[in-house]
Every structure is written in C-alpha cells, then in structure tokens.
Amino acid sequence: MLIGLTGGIGSGKSAVADALQVRGADVIDADAISHALTAPGGAALPAIRAAFGDAAITSDGALNRAWMREQVFANEALRQQLNGILHPMIRTQCLARIAQGIGCYRLLVVPLMVESGHWLAMLDRLLVVDCTEEMQVQRVRMRSGLDDAAVRAIMARQASRAQRRAAADDLIFNGGTLSDLHEQALALHARYRALAEHASR
C-alpha cells in the first residue's frame, strides 16, 4: 500500500515521516533524493552545470543552493528548467524505491504532491500535515535563518492550506507538542497497517 505524505514548508512532514519509519513504514523521501542528486558527485550536477554555468556549483562540488534559489525565484523559466532536470531523476528513483520496499506499507514524502498532481493517481491515501501559516513562518525562520518575506515567498509557490486539506484523505494538525504529533501519527500508523494487511489477503 502506498501512502502519500505532504504539507507546506515548516509543517512537520519530516517529524511525521520519522515517526512512521521507526514503526516499520518504508519511507521514500523526494527531498532526500533531490539532495543526494545535487550533493558532491550527484547525478544531476553535470546537467545543472551545463544549463546554468559554473556559478551553480560550489567549490566543494555541490549545488550552490543560495545562488540557485535567487535565480529561480526571479525567473519562472529558469525554475522550470531546473525542475526539468531534477524532477524526472527524482521520479525515477522514487518509483524504484517504491518497488523495492519491504515494510508494512510505503510512505512517499513529496512536498509538492498536490501541486504536481502526477503522484496523486498512484496513491492509496494522502496524508497531509497541516499547521497555521504563522507557525510555518516561525519554524522555517528558526531553522533556516531566512527572513519572513523569503519564507512567505516560498509558501506563495506552494498549494494553499485549503487546497492541501481538500486533497487529503487523512489530516494531522501539527499545532501542539511533538508528543501530540507522535500520538496522531501512531493512530494513523495502526490504521495503515490494518489496511495494508487487509489488502494483502
């Protein structure tokens, strides 16, 4: 069984994914795959260098994320060009890992799951992690050092809370403590395991 997990930046997707992974879910994280593709020696770097030039690569051979962020936020065509390089590679690796999974169910974590659309048809259920926009801004600012305007610019390129909630089969509201979040995740894990066991009979 394939469960999709998504949510806006700073919503707590990673905490939910970690909680489900330790309980036996196979986690396929599109962001982690993207980071590996753009780390030193990553498979996407030759194409990125060819498209964007040497400035796109840091001295240690990784993607220059700060430079690239400035380029793509100022130019939609460049953002589409970068996505055209990365997204097919990410998709290929996600599909391979889904096929190889041996856990009690697969959990596909994609930040732009609702926006991209093509993953939704594959899912058995979609889990959305939600919180207020003010919480998103505060959390991202604290962990990344970006100012409020930069965080809100990122959020503006993502689906709205209402759009994600409308697409969700299951919803976790991450507005309390980490313990509260884990309790909600544990309840859903039990449900997903039961559904997966029933489907395999």
N, C-alpha and C. Protein backbone atom coordinates (compact mmCIF):
# COMPACT_ATOMS: atom_id res chain seq x y z
N MET A 1 0.84 -1.18 0.00
CA MET A 1 0.00 0.00 0.00
C MET A 1 0.88 1.24 0.00
N LEU A 2 0.49 2.24 -0.80
CA LEU A 2 1.28 3.47 -0.95
C LEU A 2 0.51 4.64 -0.36
N ILE A 3 1.12 5.23 0.67
CA ILE A 3 0.56 6.41 1.34
C ILE A 3 1.40 7.61 0.92
N GLY A 4 0.75 8.68 0.48
CA GLY A 4 1.46 9.92 0.20
C GLY A 4 1.47 10.80 1.44
N LEU A 5 2.57 11.48 1.66
CA LEU A 5 2.69 12.42 2.79
C LEU A 5 3.15 13.76 2.24
N THR A 6 2.40 14.81 2.55
CA THR A 6 2.78 16.13 2.10
C THR A 6 2.34 17.17 3.12
N GLY A 7 2.73 18.40 2.87
CA GLY A 7 2.40 19.52 3.74
C GLY A 7 3.25 20.70 3.33
N GLY A 8 2.86 21.88 3.74
CA GLY A 8 3.63 23.07 3.41
C GLY A 8 4.98 23.09 4.12
N ILE A 9 5.85 23.96 3.66
CA ILE A 9 7.16 24.11 4.29
C ILE A 9 6.97 24.44 5.77
N GLY A 10 7.72 23.75 6.63
CA GLY A 10 7.63 24.01 8.06
C GLY A 10 6.45 23.36 8.75
N SER A 11 5.71 22.51 8.05
CA SER A 11 4.52 21.93 8.65
C SER A 11 4.83 20.77 9.60
N GLY A 12 5.97 20.11 9.40
CA GLY A 12 6.32 18.97 10.24
C GLY A 12 6.29 17.64 9.53
N LYS A 13 6.40 17.65 8.20
CA LYS A 13 6.39 16.40 7.42
C LYS A 13 7.48 15.44 7.87
N SER A 14 8.67 15.97 8.07
CA SER A 14 9.80 15.10 8.41
C SER A 14 9.60 14.42 9.75
N ALA A 15 9.03 15.13 10.71
CA ALA A 15 8.79 14.54 12.03
C ALA A 15 7.77 13.40 11.93
N VAL A 16 6.74 13.59 11.11
CA VAL A 16 5.75 12.53 10.92
C VAL A 16 6.37 11.35 10.19
N ALA A 17 7.14 11.62 9.15
CA ALA A 17 7.79 10.54 8.40
C ALA A 17 8.72 9.74 9.30
N ASP A 18 9.48 10.43 10.15
CA ASP A 18 10.39 9.73 11.07
C ASP A 18 9.61 8.83 12.03
N ALA A 19 8.49 9.36 12.54
CA ALA A 19 7.69 8.59 13.49
C ALA A 19 7.12 7.33 12.85
N LEU A 20 6.72 7.41 11.59
CA LEU A 20 6.16 6.25 10.90
C LEU A 20 7.26 5.28 10.46
N GLN A 21 8.42 5.83 10.12
CA GLN A 21 9.51 4.96 9.68
C GLN A 21 10.00 4.05 10.81
N VAL A 22 10.11 4.58 12.01
CA VAL A 22 10.61 3.76 13.12
C VAL A 22 9.61 2.67 13.48
N ARG A 23 8.37 2.82 13.04
CA ARG A 23 7.35 1.80 13.30
C ARG A 23 7.19 0.82 12.14
N GLY A 24 8.02 0.95 11.13
CA GLY A 24 8.04 -0.07 10.09
C GLY A 24 7.64 0.34 8.70
N ALA A 25 7.30 1.62 8.50
CA ALA A 25 6.96 2.08 7.15
C ALA A 25 8.23 2.25 6.32
N ASP A 26 8.14 1.94 5.03
CA ASP A 26 9.22 2.27 4.09
C ASP A 26 9.04 3.72 3.66
N VAL A 27 9.97 4.58 4.01
CA VAL A 27 9.86 6.00 3.67
C VAL A 27 10.69 6.29 2.43
N ILE A 28 10.02 6.85 1.43
CA ILE A 28 10.69 7.31 0.21
C ILE A 28 10.53 8.83 0.20
N ASP A 29 11.63 9.55 0.42
CA ASP A 29 11.59 10.99 0.62
C ASP A 29 12.15 11.69 -0.62
N ALA A 30 11.28 12.39 -1.35
CA ALA A 30 11.71 13.06 -2.58
C ALA A 30 12.75 14.14 -2.31
N ASP A 31 12.62 14.84 -1.18
CA ASP A 31 13.61 15.88 -0.85
C ASP A 31 14.98 15.27 -0.59
N ALA A 32 15.02 14.14 0.12
CA ALA A 32 16.30 13.48 0.39
C ALA A 32 16.94 13.00 -0.91
N ILE A 33 16.13 12.50 -1.82
CA ILE A 33 16.65 12.07 -3.12
C ILE A 33 17.19 13.28 -3.89
N SER A 34 16.45 14.40 -3.86
CA SER A 34 16.91 15.61 -4.53
C SER A 34 18.24 16.08 -3.97
N HIS A 35 18.39 16.05 -2.64
CA HIS A 35 19.65 16.47 -2.03
C HIS A 35 20.80 15.56 -2.45
N ALA A 36 20.54 14.26 -2.54
CA ALA A 36 21.59 13.33 -2.97
C ALA A 36 21.99 13.59 -4.43
N LEU A 37 21.02 13.92 -5.26
CA LEU A 37 21.29 14.19 -6.68
C LEU A 37 22.13 15.45 -6.86
N THR A 38 22.06 16.37 -5.88
CA THR A 38 22.76 17.65 -6.01
C THR A 38 23.89 17.81 -5.00
N ALA A 39 24.22 16.74 -4.28
CA ALA A 39 25.39 16.72 -3.39
C ALA A 39 26.65 16.52 -4.24
N PRO A 40 27.84 16.71 -3.65
CA PRO A 40 29.06 16.47 -4.43
C PRO A 40 29.04 15.10 -5.11
N GLY A 41 29.26 15.09 -6.40
CA GLY A 41 29.21 13.84 -7.17
C GLY A 41 27.82 13.42 -7.58
N GLY A 42 26.80 14.23 -7.26
CA GLY A 42 25.43 13.87 -7.56
C GLY A 42 25.16 13.78 -9.06
N ALA A 43 24.25 12.90 -9.42
CA ALA A 43 23.98 12.61 -10.83
C ALA A 43 23.40 13.78 -11.60
N ALA A 44 22.76 14.72 -10.89
CA ALA A 44 22.13 15.85 -11.58
C ALA A 44 23.10 16.99 -11.88
N LEU A 45 24.27 16.99 -11.26
CA LEU A 45 25.15 18.15 -11.34
C LEU A 45 25.69 18.44 -12.74
N PRO A 46 26.08 17.44 -13.53
CA PRO A 46 26.56 17.77 -14.88
C PRO A 46 25.51 18.52 -15.71
N ALA A 47 24.27 18.08 -15.67
CA ALA A 47 23.23 18.76 -16.43
C ALA A 47 22.96 20.16 -15.89
N ILE A 48 23.03 20.31 -14.55
CA ILE A 48 22.81 21.63 -13.95
C ILE A 48 23.94 22.58 -14.34
N ARG A 49 25.17 22.09 -14.31
CA ARG A 49 26.31 22.94 -14.71
C ARG A 49 26.19 23.35 -16.17
N ALA A 50 25.79 22.41 -17.02
CA ALA A 50 25.65 22.72 -18.44
C ALA A 50 24.56 23.76 -18.68
N ALA A 51 23.50 23.70 -17.89
CA ALA A 51 22.37 24.61 -18.09
C ALA A 51 22.59 25.98 -17.46
N PHE A 52 23.25 26.00 -16.29
CA PHE A 52 23.31 27.24 -15.51
C PHE A 52 24.71 27.81 -15.36
N GLY A 53 25.72 27.06 -15.74
CA GLY A 53 27.08 27.55 -15.64
C GLY A 53 27.77 27.18 -14.33
N ASP A 54 29.05 27.53 -14.23
CA ASP A 54 29.86 27.16 -13.07
C ASP A 54 29.36 27.80 -11.78
N ALA A 55 28.68 28.93 -11.87
CA ALA A 55 28.19 29.60 -10.65
C ALA A 55 27.17 28.75 -9.90
N ALA A 56 26.57 27.79 -10.59
CA ALA A 56 25.55 26.94 -9.96
C ALA A 56 26.15 25.88 -9.05
N ILE A 57 27.50 25.72 -9.12
CA ILE A 57 28.17 24.67 -8.35
C ILE A 57 29.15 25.30 -7.37
N THR A 58 29.14 24.84 -6.14
CA THR A 58 30.04 25.37 -5.12
C THR A 58 31.45 24.81 -5.31
N SER A 59 32.38 25.36 -4.55
CA SER A 59 33.78 24.92 -4.66
C SER A 59 33.97 23.47 -4.24
N ASP A 60 33.07 22.94 -3.40
CA ASP A 60 33.19 21.54 -2.99
C ASP A 60 32.39 20.60 -3.90
N GLY A 61 31.84 21.16 -4.99
CA GLY A 61 31.22 20.30 -5.99
C GLY A 61 29.75 19.99 -5.78
N ALA A 62 29.07 20.77 -4.94
CA ALA A 62 27.64 20.58 -4.71
C ALA A 62 26.85 21.70 -5.38
N LEU A 63 25.54 21.54 -5.45
CA LEU A 63 24.70 22.61 -5.96
C LEU A 63 24.82 23.82 -5.04
N ASN A 64 24.99 24.99 -5.64
CA ASN A 64 25.02 26.25 -4.90
C ASN A 64 23.58 26.67 -4.63
N ARG A 65 23.03 26.21 -3.53
CA ARG A 65 21.59 26.38 -3.27
C ARG A 65 21.19 27.84 -3.11
N ALA A 66 22.00 28.62 -2.41
CA ALA A 66 21.65 30.02 -2.21
C ALA A 66 21.62 30.76 -3.55
N TRP A 67 22.61 30.52 -4.37
CA TRP A 67 22.66 31.18 -5.69
C TRP A 67 21.49 30.73 -6.56
N MET A 68 21.24 29.43 -6.56
CA MET A 68 20.16 28.90 -7.39
C MET A 68 18.80 29.40 -6.92
N ARG A 69 18.62 29.50 -5.60
CA ARG A 69 17.35 29.99 -5.07
C ARG A 69 17.07 31.40 -5.60
N GLU A 70 18.10 32.25 -5.62
CA GLU A 70 17.93 33.61 -6.12
C GLU A 70 17.56 33.60 -7.60
N GLN A 71 18.18 32.72 -8.37
CA GLN A 71 17.92 32.69 -9.81
C GLN A 71 16.49 32.25 -10.12
N VAL A 72 16.06 31.17 -9.49
CA VAL A 72 14.76 30.61 -9.87
C VAL A 72 13.59 31.40 -9.30
N PHE A 73 13.80 32.08 -8.17
CA PHE A 73 12.72 32.89 -7.63
C PHE A 73 12.49 34.13 -8.47
N ALA A 74 13.52 34.56 -9.17
CA ALA A 74 13.39 35.76 -10.00
C ALA A 74 12.95 35.44 -11.43
N ASN A 75 12.97 34.16 -11.80
CA ASN A 75 12.75 33.81 -13.20
C ASN A 75 12.03 32.47 -13.29
N GLU A 76 10.77 32.51 -13.68
CA GLU A 76 9.97 31.29 -13.77
C GLU A 76 10.53 30.31 -14.81
N ALA A 77 11.05 30.84 -15.91
CA ALA A 77 11.61 29.96 -16.94
C ALA A 77 12.80 29.17 -16.41
N LEU A 78 13.64 29.83 -15.60
CA LEU A 78 14.78 29.13 -15.01
C LEU A 78 14.32 28.09 -14.01
N ARG A 79 13.28 28.40 -13.25
CA ARG A 79 12.74 27.42 -12.30
C ARG A 79 12.24 26.18 -13.03
N GLN A 80 11.54 26.40 -14.13
CA GLN A 80 11.05 25.27 -14.91
C GLN A 80 12.21 24.48 -15.51
N GLN A 81 13.26 25.18 -15.90
CA GLN A 81 14.43 24.50 -16.46
C GLN A 81 15.09 23.60 -15.41
N LEU A 82 15.24 24.12 -14.19
CA LEU A 82 15.82 23.32 -13.11
C LEU A 82 14.93 22.13 -12.80
N ASN A 83 13.62 22.37 -12.70
CA ASN A 83 12.70 21.27 -12.43
C ASN A 83 12.75 20.22 -13.54
N GLY A 84 12.94 20.68 -14.77
CA GLY A 84 13.02 19.74 -15.89
C GLY A 84 14.21 18.81 -15.79
N ILE A 85 15.26 19.26 -15.12
CA ILE A 85 16.43 18.40 -14.89
C ILE A 85 16.18 17.46 -13.71
N LEU A 86 15.71 18.04 -12.60
CA LEU A 86 15.64 17.28 -11.36
C LEU A 86 14.43 16.34 -11.28
N HIS A 87 13.27 16.81 -11.66
CA HIS A 87 12.05 16.04 -11.41
C HIS A 87 12.03 14.66 -12.07
N PRO A 88 12.46 14.51 -13.33
CA PRO A 88 12.47 13.16 -13.89
C PRO A 88 13.42 12.21 -13.14
N MET A 89 14.56 12.73 -12.68
CA MET A 89 15.50 11.91 -11.92
C MET A 89 14.90 11.51 -10.57
N ILE A 90 14.27 12.47 -9.91
CA ILE A 90 13.64 12.19 -8.61
C ILE A 90 12.54 11.15 -8.78
N ARG A 91 11.71 11.32 -9.81
CA ARG A 91 10.61 10.40 -10.05
C ARG A 91 11.11 8.98 -10.29
N THR A 92 12.15 8.86 -11.11
CA THR A 92 12.70 7.53 -11.41
C THR A 92 13.18 6.83 -10.14
N GLN A 93 13.89 7.58 -9.29
CA GLN A 93 14.40 6.97 -8.06
C GLN A 93 13.27 6.65 -7.08
N CYS A 94 12.27 7.53 -7.01
CA CYS A 94 11.13 7.26 -6.13
C CYS A 94 10.43 5.97 -6.55
N LEU A 95 10.17 5.82 -7.83
CA LEU A 95 9.48 4.63 -8.32
C LEU A 95 10.28 3.37 -8.04
N ALA A 96 11.60 3.45 -8.20
CA ALA A 96 12.45 2.29 -7.93
C ALA A 96 12.39 1.91 -6.46
N ARG A 97 12.41 2.89 -5.59
CA ARG A 97 12.39 2.61 -4.14
C ARG A 97 11.02 2.11 -3.69
N ILE A 98 9.96 2.61 -4.32
CA ILE A 98 8.63 2.10 -4.01
C ILE A 98 8.57 0.61 -4.36
N ALA A 99 9.11 0.25 -5.52
CA ALA A 99 9.07 -1.14 -5.97
C ALA A 99 9.90 -2.06 -5.08
N GLN A 100 10.96 -1.50 -4.47
CA GLN A 100 11.87 -2.31 -3.66
C GLN A 100 11.45 -2.41 -2.20
N GLY A 101 10.44 -1.66 -1.78
CA GLY A 101 10.09 -1.59 -0.37
C GLY A 101 9.63 -2.91 0.21
N ILE A 102 9.99 -3.14 1.45
CA ILE A 102 9.61 -4.39 2.12
C ILE A 102 8.93 -4.12 3.47
N GLY A 103 8.63 -2.88 3.77
CA GLY A 103 7.98 -2.54 5.03
C GLY A 103 6.50 -2.87 5.01
N CYS A 104 5.82 -2.51 6.09
CA CYS A 104 4.40 -2.84 6.19
C CYS A 104 3.55 -1.99 5.24
N TYR A 105 4.06 -0.84 4.84
CA TYR A 105 3.48 -0.04 3.76
C TYR A 105 4.53 0.96 3.31
N ARG A 106 4.30 1.59 2.16
CA ARG A 106 5.24 2.57 1.63
C ARG A 106 4.71 3.97 1.95
N LEU A 107 5.60 4.87 2.32
CA LEU A 107 5.24 6.25 2.61
C LEU A 107 6.06 7.14 1.69
N LEU A 108 5.40 7.75 0.73
CA LEU A 108 6.05 8.61 -0.25
C LEU A 108 5.91 10.06 0.19
N VAL A 109 7.03 10.69 0.53
CA VAL A 109 7.04 12.06 1.04
C VAL A 109 7.42 13.01 -0.08
N VAL A 110 6.48 13.83 -0.51
CA VAL A 110 6.70 14.79 -1.60
C VAL A 110 6.14 16.14 -1.17
N PRO A 111 6.99 17.15 -0.99
CA PRO A 111 6.48 18.45 -0.54
C PRO A 111 5.43 19.05 -1.48
N LEU A 112 5.62 18.89 -2.79
CA LEU A 112 4.70 19.47 -3.77
C LEU A 112 3.79 18.39 -4.37
N MET A 113 3.32 17.49 -3.54
CA MET A 113 2.48 16.39 -4.00
C MET A 113 1.19 16.89 -4.65
N VAL A 114 0.52 17.83 -4.02
CA VAL A 114 -0.75 18.35 -4.54
C VAL A 114 -0.51 19.19 -5.78
N GLU A 115 0.57 19.98 -5.76
CA GLU A 115 0.87 20.87 -6.87
C GLU A 115 1.23 20.09 -8.14
N SER A 116 2.02 19.03 -8.00
CA SER A 116 2.49 18.30 -9.19
C SER A 116 1.39 17.45 -9.80
N GLY A 117 0.55 16.89 -8.97
CA GLY A 117 -0.60 16.15 -9.48
C GLY A 117 -0.33 14.73 -9.92
N HIS A 118 0.83 14.48 -10.56
CA HIS A 118 1.02 13.16 -11.17
C HIS A 118 1.18 12.04 -10.15
N TRP A 119 1.56 12.36 -8.91
CA TRP A 119 1.69 11.31 -7.91
C TRP A 119 0.35 10.87 -7.36
N LEU A 120 -0.62 11.77 -7.37
CA LEU A 120 -1.87 11.51 -6.65
C LEU A 120 -2.59 10.26 -7.16
N ALA A 121 -2.53 10.02 -8.46
CA ALA A 121 -3.24 8.88 -9.03
C ALA A 121 -2.65 7.54 -8.58
N MET A 122 -1.40 7.56 -8.09
CA MET A 122 -0.74 6.32 -7.66
C MET A 122 -1.07 5.95 -6.23
N LEU A 123 -1.56 6.91 -5.46
CA LEU A 123 -1.66 6.72 -4.02
C LEU A 123 -2.92 5.95 -3.63
N ASP A 124 -2.79 5.20 -2.53
CA ASP A 124 -3.97 4.63 -1.88
C ASP A 124 -4.62 5.64 -0.95
N ARG A 125 -3.78 6.44 -0.27
CA ARG A 125 -4.29 7.50 0.59
C ARG A 125 -3.28 8.64 0.61
N LEU A 126 -3.79 9.85 0.87
CA LEU A 126 -2.92 11.02 1.01
C LEU A 126 -3.05 11.57 2.42
N LEU A 127 -1.92 11.65 3.10
CA LEU A 127 -1.83 12.22 4.44
C LEU A 127 -1.23 13.62 4.35
N VAL A 128 -1.94 14.60 4.87
CA VAL A 128 -1.47 15.98 4.86
C VAL A 128 -1.16 16.41 6.29
N VAL A 129 0.02 16.98 6.49
CA VAL A 129 0.40 17.57 7.77
C VAL A 129 0.14 19.07 7.65
N ASP A 130 -0.65 19.60 8.57
CA ASP A 130 -1.13 20.97 8.47
C ASP A 130 -0.76 21.76 9.72
N CYS A 131 -0.56 23.04 9.54
CA CYS A 131 -0.42 23.97 10.67
C CYS A 131 -0.74 25.35 10.15
N THR A 132 -0.80 26.33 11.02
CA THR A 132 -1.11 27.69 10.58
C THR A 132 0.07 28.28 9.81
N GLU A 133 -0.22 29.27 8.99
CA GLU A 133 0.84 29.93 8.23
C GLU A 133 1.83 30.61 9.16
N GLU A 134 1.34 31.15 10.25
CA GLU A 134 2.24 31.81 11.21
C GLU A 134 3.23 30.81 11.80
N MET A 135 2.76 29.59 12.08
CA MET A 135 3.66 28.55 12.57
C MET A 135 4.69 28.18 11.52
N GLN A 136 4.26 28.07 10.27
CA GLN A 136 5.19 27.75 9.19
C GLN A 136 6.32 28.77 9.14
N VAL A 137 5.96 30.06 9.13
CA VAL A 137 6.96 31.11 9.03
C VAL A 137 7.93 31.05 10.20
N GLN A 138 7.40 30.89 11.41
CA GLN A 138 8.25 30.86 12.60
C GLN A 138 9.22 29.68 12.57
N ARG A 139 8.72 28.50 12.21
CA ARG A 139 9.57 27.31 12.21
C ARG A 139 10.67 27.40 11.15
N VAL A 140 10.32 27.84 9.95
CA VAL A 140 11.31 27.92 8.88
C VAL A 140 12.34 29.00 9.20
N ARG A 141 11.89 30.12 9.74
CA ARG A 141 12.81 31.19 10.11
C ARG A 141 13.81 30.70 11.15
N MET A 142 13.35 29.94 12.12
CA MET A 142 14.23 29.48 13.20
C MET A 142 15.24 28.45 12.69
N ARG A 143 14.83 27.59 11.76
CA ARG A 143 15.75 26.53 11.34
C ARG A 143 16.66 26.93 10.19
N SER A 144 16.25 27.93 9.39
CA SER A 144 17.00 28.25 8.18
C SER A 144 17.66 29.62 8.20
N GLY A 145 17.14 30.51 9.05
CA GLY A 145 17.69 31.86 9.06
C GLY A 145 17.10 32.78 8.01
N LEU A 146 16.18 32.27 7.18
CA LEU A 146 15.52 33.12 6.19
C LEU A 146 14.61 34.12 6.89
N ASP A 147 14.46 35.30 6.30
CA ASP A 147 13.54 36.26 6.90
C ASP A 147 12.10 35.93 6.50
N ASP A 148 11.15 36.63 7.14
CA ASP A 148 9.74 36.33 6.92
C ASP A 148 9.35 36.45 5.45
N ALA A 149 9.86 37.48 4.77
CA ALA A 149 9.50 37.70 3.37
C ALA A 149 9.96 36.54 2.50
N ALA A 150 11.17 36.02 2.77
CA ALA A 150 11.68 34.91 1.97
C ALA A 150 10.86 33.64 2.21
N VAL A 151 10.48 33.42 3.47
CA VAL A 151 9.67 32.24 3.78
C VAL A 151 8.31 32.35 3.11
N ARG A 152 7.70 33.52 3.18
CA ARG A 152 6.37 33.69 2.57
C ARG A 152 6.44 33.60 1.05
N ALA A 153 7.58 33.97 0.47
CA ALA A 153 7.74 33.82 -0.98
C ALA A 153 7.75 32.35 -1.37
N ILE A 154 8.40 31.52 -0.55
CA ILE A 154 8.38 30.08 -0.78
C ILE A 154 6.97 29.54 -0.64
N MET A 155 6.29 29.95 0.41
CA MET A 155 4.92 29.49 0.67
C MET A 155 3.98 29.88 -0.47
N ALA A 156 4.21 31.04 -1.07
CA ALA A 156 3.34 31.51 -2.14
C ALA A 156 3.42 30.62 -3.38
N ARG A 157 4.51 29.89 -3.53
CA ARG A 157 4.67 28.98 -4.67
C ARG A 157 4.11 27.59 -4.37
N GLN A 158 3.65 27.38 -3.16
CA GLN A 158 3.08 26.09 -2.78
C GLN A 158 1.56 26.19 -2.77
N ALA A 159 0.91 25.03 -2.79
CA ALA A 159 -0.54 24.99 -2.66
C ALA A 159 -0.95 25.65 -1.34
N SER A 160 -2.15 26.16 -1.30
CA SER A 160 -2.65 26.77 -0.07
C SER A 160 -3.04 25.68 0.93
N ARG A 161 -3.20 26.09 2.17
CA ARG A 161 -3.68 25.13 3.19
C ARG A 161 -5.00 24.52 2.75
N ALA A 162 -5.89 25.35 2.24
CA ALA A 162 -7.22 24.86 1.84
C ALA A 162 -7.11 23.83 0.72
N GLN A 163 -6.22 24.05 -0.23
CA GLN A 163 -6.04 23.10 -1.34
C GLN A 163 -5.50 21.77 -0.84
N ARG A 164 -4.52 21.81 0.06
CA ARG A 164 -3.96 20.57 0.60
C ARG A 164 -5.01 19.83 1.43
N ARG A 165 -5.72 20.56 2.25
CA ARG A 165 -6.73 19.92 3.11
C ARG A 165 -7.84 19.29 2.27
N ALA A 166 -8.21 19.94 1.17
CA ALA A 166 -9.25 19.40 0.30
C ALA A 166 -8.81 18.11 -0.37
N ALA A 167 -7.52 17.97 -0.62
CA ALA A 167 -7.00 16.78 -1.30
C ALA A 167 -6.75 15.62 -0.33
N ALA A 168 -6.73 15.90 0.98
CA ALA A 168 -6.31 14.91 1.97
C ALA A 168 -7.36 13.83 2.22
N ASP A 169 -6.87 12.60 2.38
CA ASP A 169 -7.69 11.53 2.95
C ASP A 169 -7.56 11.52 4.46
N ASP A 170 -6.37 11.86 4.94
CA ASP A 170 -6.09 11.89 6.37
C ASP A 170 -5.35 13.19 6.68
N LEU A 171 -5.56 13.72 7.88
CA LEU A 171 -5.00 15.01 8.24
C LEU A 171 -4.42 14.97 9.65
N ILE A 172 -3.20 15.48 9.77
CA ILE A 172 -2.59 15.70 11.08
C ILE A 172 -2.41 17.20 11.25
N PHE A 173 -2.93 17.74 12.35
CA PHE A 173 -2.70 19.16 12.64
C PHE A 173 -1.55 19.27 13.62
N ASN A 174 -0.47 19.86 13.16
CA ASN A 174 0.74 19.98 13.96
C ASN A 174 0.81 21.35 14.61
N GLY A 175 -0.09 21.57 15.56
CA GLY A 175 -0.11 22.85 16.24
C GLY A 175 0.21 22.76 17.71
N GLY A 176 0.58 21.56 18.16
CA GLY A 176 0.87 21.38 19.58
C GLY A 176 2.28 20.90 19.82
N THR A 177 2.43 19.97 20.73
CA THR A 177 3.75 19.46 21.09
C THR A 177 4.16 18.32 20.16
N LEU A 178 5.43 17.95 20.24
CA LEU A 178 5.92 16.82 19.47
C LEU A 178 5.23 15.54 19.91
N SER A 179 4.90 15.45 21.20
CA SER A 179 4.17 14.29 21.70
C SER A 179 2.78 14.20 21.06
N ASP A 180 2.11 15.32 20.93
CA ASP A 180 0.80 15.34 20.27
C ASP A 180 0.92 14.85 18.82
N LEU A 181 1.96 15.31 18.16
CA LEU A 181 2.19 14.92 16.76
C LEU A 181 2.41 13.42 16.66
N HIS A 182 3.22 12.88 17.55
CA HIS A 182 3.50 11.45 17.53
C HIS A 182 2.26 10.62 17.83
N GLU A 183 1.42 11.10 18.71
CA GLU A 183 0.17 10.38 19.01
C GLU A 183 -0.71 10.27 17.77
N GLN A 184 -0.83 11.37 17.05
CA GLN A 184 -1.63 11.35 15.82
C GLN A 184 -1.01 10.42 14.78
N ALA A 185 0.31 10.47 14.67
CA ALA A 185 0.99 9.61 13.71
C ALA A 185 0.83 8.14 14.06
N LEU A 186 0.91 7.82 15.35
CA LEU A 186 0.78 6.43 15.79
C LEU A 186 -0.62 5.89 15.49
N ALA A 187 -1.64 6.72 15.69
CA ALA A 187 -3.01 6.28 15.40
C ALA A 187 -3.18 5.98 13.91
N LEU A 188 -2.60 6.82 13.06
CA LEU A 188 -2.69 6.58 11.63
C LEU A 188 -1.87 5.37 11.21
N HIS A 189 -0.72 5.19 11.85
CA HIS A 189 0.11 4.02 11.54
C HIS A 189 -0.67 2.73 11.78
N ALA A 190 -1.37 2.66 12.90
CA ALA A 190 -2.16 1.46 13.19
C ALA A 190 -3.23 1.25 12.12
N ARG A 191 -3.82 2.33 11.68
CA ARG A 191 -4.85 2.23 10.64
C ARG A 191 -4.23 1.78 9.32
N TYR A 192 -3.09 2.36 8.96
CA TYR A 192 -2.46 2.00 7.69
C TYR A 192 -2.00 0.54 7.69
N ARG A 193 -1.46 0.09 8.81
CA ARG A 193 -1.06 -1.32 8.89
C ARG A 193 -2.24 -2.24 8.70
N ALA A 194 -3.37 -1.92 9.32
CA ALA A 194 -4.57 -2.75 9.19
C ALA A 194 -5.06 -2.75 7.74
N LEU A 195 -5.04 -1.60 7.10
CA LEU A 195 -5.47 -1.51 5.71
C LEU A 195 -4.54 -2.31 4.80
N ALA A 196 -3.24 -2.21 5.06
CA ALA A 196 -2.26 -2.91 4.23
C ALA A 196 -2.41 -4.43 4.41
N GLU A 197 -2.62 -4.87 5.65
CA GLU A 197 -2.79 -6.30 5.91
C GLU A 197 -4.06 -6.82 5.23
N HIS A 198 -5.13 -6.03 5.28
CA HIS A 198 -6.39 -6.43 4.64
C HIS A 198 -6.21 -6.51 3.12
N ALA A 199 -5.49 -5.54 2.55
CA ALA A 199 -5.30 -5.50 1.10
C ALA A 199 -4.46 -6.67 0.60
N SER A 200 -3.57 -7.19 1.47
CA SER A 200 -2.66 -8.25 1.04
C SER A 200 -3.29 -9.64 1.14
N ARG A 201 -4.47 -9.72 1.71
CA ARG A 201 -5.12 -11.04 1.85
C ARG A 201 -5.73 -11.52 0.54
